Amino acid sequence: MNHSIYSADRTTHLKIVVVALVAGIVVAGFSISARDTSDEGLTQTASTRVMKAGKPVVITSSGNSVVR
């Protein structure tokens, strides 16, 4: 048994690639199936509150800082 990836033969590398590919497909499949497909949050109705912009606000500062 080789304990180093550098000295492993071709079939060992192939097994590692296949296991990683299968694991990636399983994770992607699980994440797609676990996705929430309801459209509750995407629709707007008349009962939702609408925020409107108010009057513009001017912010001024009288504290002058001088760097010498």
Protein backbone atom coordinates (compact mmCIF):
# COMPACT_ATOMS: atom_id res chain seq x y z
CA MET A 1 0.00 0.00 0.00
CA ASN A 2 1.32 3.42 -0.95
CA HIS A 3 0.98 6.10 1.67
CA SER A 4 2.05 8.89 -0.65
CA ILE A 5 0.07 10.38 -3.51
CA TYR A 6 3.30 11.08 -5.38
CA SER A 7 4.39 7.45 -5.52
CA ALA A 8 0.92 6.04 -6.24
CA ASP A 9 0.33 4.25 -9.51
CA ARG A 10 -2.07 5.19 -12.29
CA THR A 11 -5.03 3.16 -11.03
CA THR A 12 -4.81 4.77 -7.59
CA HIS A 13 -4.95 8.23 -9.15
CA LEU A 14 -7.91 7.14 -11.27
CA LYS A 15 -9.75 5.84 -8.19
CA ILE A 16 -9.19 9.14 -6.38
CA VAL A 17 -10.52 11.13 -9.34
CA VAL A 18 -13.59 8.89 -9.66
CA VAL A 19 -14.40 9.10 -5.94
CA ALA A 20 -14.04 12.90 -6.00
CA LEU A 21 -16.26 13.16 -9.10
CA VAL A 22 -18.97 10.95 -7.57
CA ALA A 23 -18.84 12.93 -4.32
CA GLY A 24 -19.19 16.20 -6.26
CA ILE A 25 -22.18 14.88 -8.18
CA VAL A 26 -23.82 13.71 -4.94
CA VAL A 27 -23.32 17.10 -3.28
CA ALA A 28 -24.62 18.96 -6.33
CA GLY A 29 -27.64 16.67 -6.59
CA PHE A 30 -28.44 17.06 -2.90
CA SER A 31 -28.15 20.85 -3.07
CA ILE A 32 -30.43 21.06 -6.10
CA SER A 33 -33.04 18.79 -4.51
CA ALA A 34 -32.93 20.66 -1.18
CA ARG A 35 -33.50 24.06 -2.82
CA ASP A 36 -36.67 25.91 -1.83
CA THR A 37 -38.83 26.25 -4.93
CA SER A 38 -41.76 28.17 -3.44
CA ASP A 39 -42.46 31.62 -4.88
CA GLU A 40 -43.73 33.18 -1.64
CA GLY A 41 -40.99 35.77 -1.26
CA LEU A 42 -40.87 36.78 -4.92
CA THR A 43 -44.40 38.04 -5.39
CA GLN A 44 -45.63 41.47 -4.35
CA THR A 45 -49.22 42.12 -3.46
CA ALA A 46 -51.13 45.27 -2.63
CA SER A 47 -51.01 44.39 1.06
CA THR A 48 -47.24 44.83 1.29
CA ARG A 49 -46.05 48.19 2.56
CA VAL A 50 -44.32 50.47 0.11
CA MET A 51 -41.69 52.88 1.41
CA LYS A 52 -41.59 56.21 -0.34
CA ALA A 53 -38.69 58.62 -0.32
CA GLY A 54 -39.11 61.73 1.79
CA LYS A 55 -37.60 65.17 1.39
CA PRO A 56 -33.85 65.42 0.75
CA VAL A 57 -31.63 65.99 3.77
CA VAL A 58 -28.49 68.14 3.75
CA ILE A 59 -25.76 67.21 6.20
CA THR A 60 -23.20 69.86 7.02
CA SER A 61 -20.34 70.04 9.44
CA SER A 62 -18.83 73.16 10.94
CA GLY A 63 -15.86 71.38 12.49
CA ASN A 64 -12.90 72.11 10.22
CA SER A 65 -9.83 69.99 10.74
CA VAL A 66 -6.52 71.35 9.54
CA VAL A 67 -3.54 69.10 8.95
CA ARG A 68 -0.16 70.83 9.04
